[in-house]
């Protein structure tokens, strides 16, 4: 079973202030599921479209970057634990571990 995580900016929805919500996308066997992170960013706040790094001119950019890297690394750590213990990842199992680590 293959599984991966990545951060994404939801582009089909924007708030009144022009910011879009940030999601963690988990893909297990080509089936995606999005987890809301409670972080909202303006699309112009990102340095590059392919990398999820917030520009230093954005308010609290360093804190947001740390939060995003921490969330992404914890999600990857959960997937690594599944691989180490030879457990097939499922959305339910990931959700249980991910919510406990937040």
Protein backbone atom coordinates (compact mmCIF):
# COMPACT_ATOMS: atom_id res chain seq x y z
CA UNK A 1 0.00 0.00 0.00
CA UNK A 2 1.25 3.42 -0.84
CA UNK A 3 0.57 6.54 1.17
CA UNK A 4 1.77 10.13 1.00
CA UNK A 5 1.03 13.53 2.50
CA UNK A 6 1.35 17.05 1.20
CA UNK A 7 0.20 20.54 2.08
CA UNK A 8 -2.17 22.39 -0.21
CA UNK A 9 -4.05 25.63 -0.43
CA UNK A 10 -7.76 25.20 -1.13
CA UNK A 11 -8.30 27.32 -4.23
CA UNK A 12 -12.02 26.69 -4.74
CA UNK A 13 -12.90 28.59 -1.57
CA UNK A 14 -11.69 31.93 -0.23
CA UNK A 15 -12.78 33.88 2.79
CA UNK A 16 -13.98 37.48 2.69
CA UNK A 17 -10.44 38.70 3.45
CA UNK A 18 -9.12 36.86 0.35
CA UNK A 19 -7.34 34.13 2.29
CA UNK A 20 -7.72 30.45 1.51
CA UNK A 21 -7.62 27.56 4.01
CA UNK A 22 -4.56 25.30 4.19
CA UNK A 23 -5.11 21.55 4.19
CA UNK A 24 -3.01 18.47 4.73
CA UNK A 25 -3.83 16.00 1.96
CA UNK A 26 -3.38 12.32 2.74
CA UNK A 27 -3.37 9.95 -0.21
CA UNK A 28 -3.72 6.22 0.45
CA UNK A 29 -3.87 3.98 -2.63
CA UNK A 30 -4.75 6.96 -4.83
CA UNK A 31 -7.70 7.96 -2.61
CA UNK A 32 -7.31 11.46 -1.14
CA UNK A 33 -8.60 12.88 2.12
CA UNK A 34 -8.09 16.46 3.28
CA UNK A 35 -7.54 17.59 6.86
CA UNK A 36 -8.19 21.23 7.71
CA UNK A 37 -5.31 22.80 9.65
CA UNK A 38 -7.05 25.98 10.78
CA UNK A 39 -4.47 28.11 8.94
CA UNK A 40 -5.52 30.59 6.27
CA UNK A 41 -3.17 32.22 3.77
CA UNK A 42 -3.45 34.57 0.84
CA UNK A 43 -2.28 32.81 -2.36
CA UNK A 44 0.34 35.55 -2.87
CA UNK A 45 1.87 34.74 0.55
CA UNK A 46 3.45 31.57 -0.84
CA UNK A 47 6.97 31.79 -2.27
CA UNK A 48 6.48 29.17 -4.99
CA UNK A 49 3.49 27.22 -6.16
CA UNK A 50 5.30 23.86 -5.89
CA UNK A 51 6.79 24.49 -2.43
CA UNK A 52 4.70 25.36 0.59
CA UNK A 53 6.86 28.10 2.12
CA UNK A 54 5.37 31.39 3.30
CA UNK A 55 7.11 34.61 2.24
CA UNK A 56 9.01 36.44 4.95
CA UNK A 57 6.97 39.60 4.26
CA UNK A 58 3.85 37.84 5.56
CA UNK A 59 2.84 38.54 9.14
CA UNK A 60 4.05 35.73 11.46
CA UNK A 61 5.71 33.98 8.49
CA UNK A 62 8.35 32.18 10.53
CA UNK A 63 5.77 30.87 13.01
CA UNK A 64 3.47 29.70 10.20
CA UNK A 65 6.37 27.98 8.42
CA UNK A 66 7.35 26.19 11.63
CA UNK A 67 3.76 25.07 12.22
CA UNK A 68 3.39 23.78 8.67
CA UNK A 69 6.72 21.90 8.75
CA UNK A 70 5.81 20.39 12.13
CA UNK A 71 2.41 19.19 10.92
CA UNK A 72 3.89 17.74 7.74
CA UNK A 73 6.70 15.98 9.62
CA UNK A 74 4.28 14.51 12.19
CA UNK A 75 2.08 13.17 9.40
CA UNK A 76 5.11 11.61 7.69
CA UNK A 77 6.20 10.17 11.03
CA UNK A 78 2.83 8.44 11.40
CA UNK A 79 3.16 6.94 7.92
CA UNK A 80 6.71 5.82 8.71
CA UNK A 81 5.48 4.12 11.89
CA UNK A 82 2.90 2.23 9.82
CA UNK A 83 5.66 1.11 7.45
CA UNK A 84 8.03 0.08 10.26
CA UNK A 85 5.40 -2.06 11.96
CA UNK A 86 4.15 -3.38 8.61
CA UNK A 87 0.65 -2.01 9.17
CA UNK A 88 -1.44 -1.10 6.15
CA UNK A 89 -2.38 2.58 6.56
CA UNK A 90 -6.05 3.47 6.63
CA UNK A 91 -7.75 6.82 6.93
CA UNK A 92 -9.30 5.81 10.25
CA UNK A 93 -5.96 4.75 11.78
CA UNK A 94 -4.19 7.83 10.44
CA UNK A 95 -6.96 10.08 11.72
CA UNK A 96 -6.72 8.55 15.21
CA UNK A 97 -2.94 9.04 15.39
CA UNK A 98 -2.95 12.46 13.70
CA UNK A 99 -5.63 13.96 15.96
CA UNK A 100 -3.82 12.65 19.05
CA UNK A 101 -0.56 14.33 17.98
CA UNK A 102 -2.14 17.77 17.42
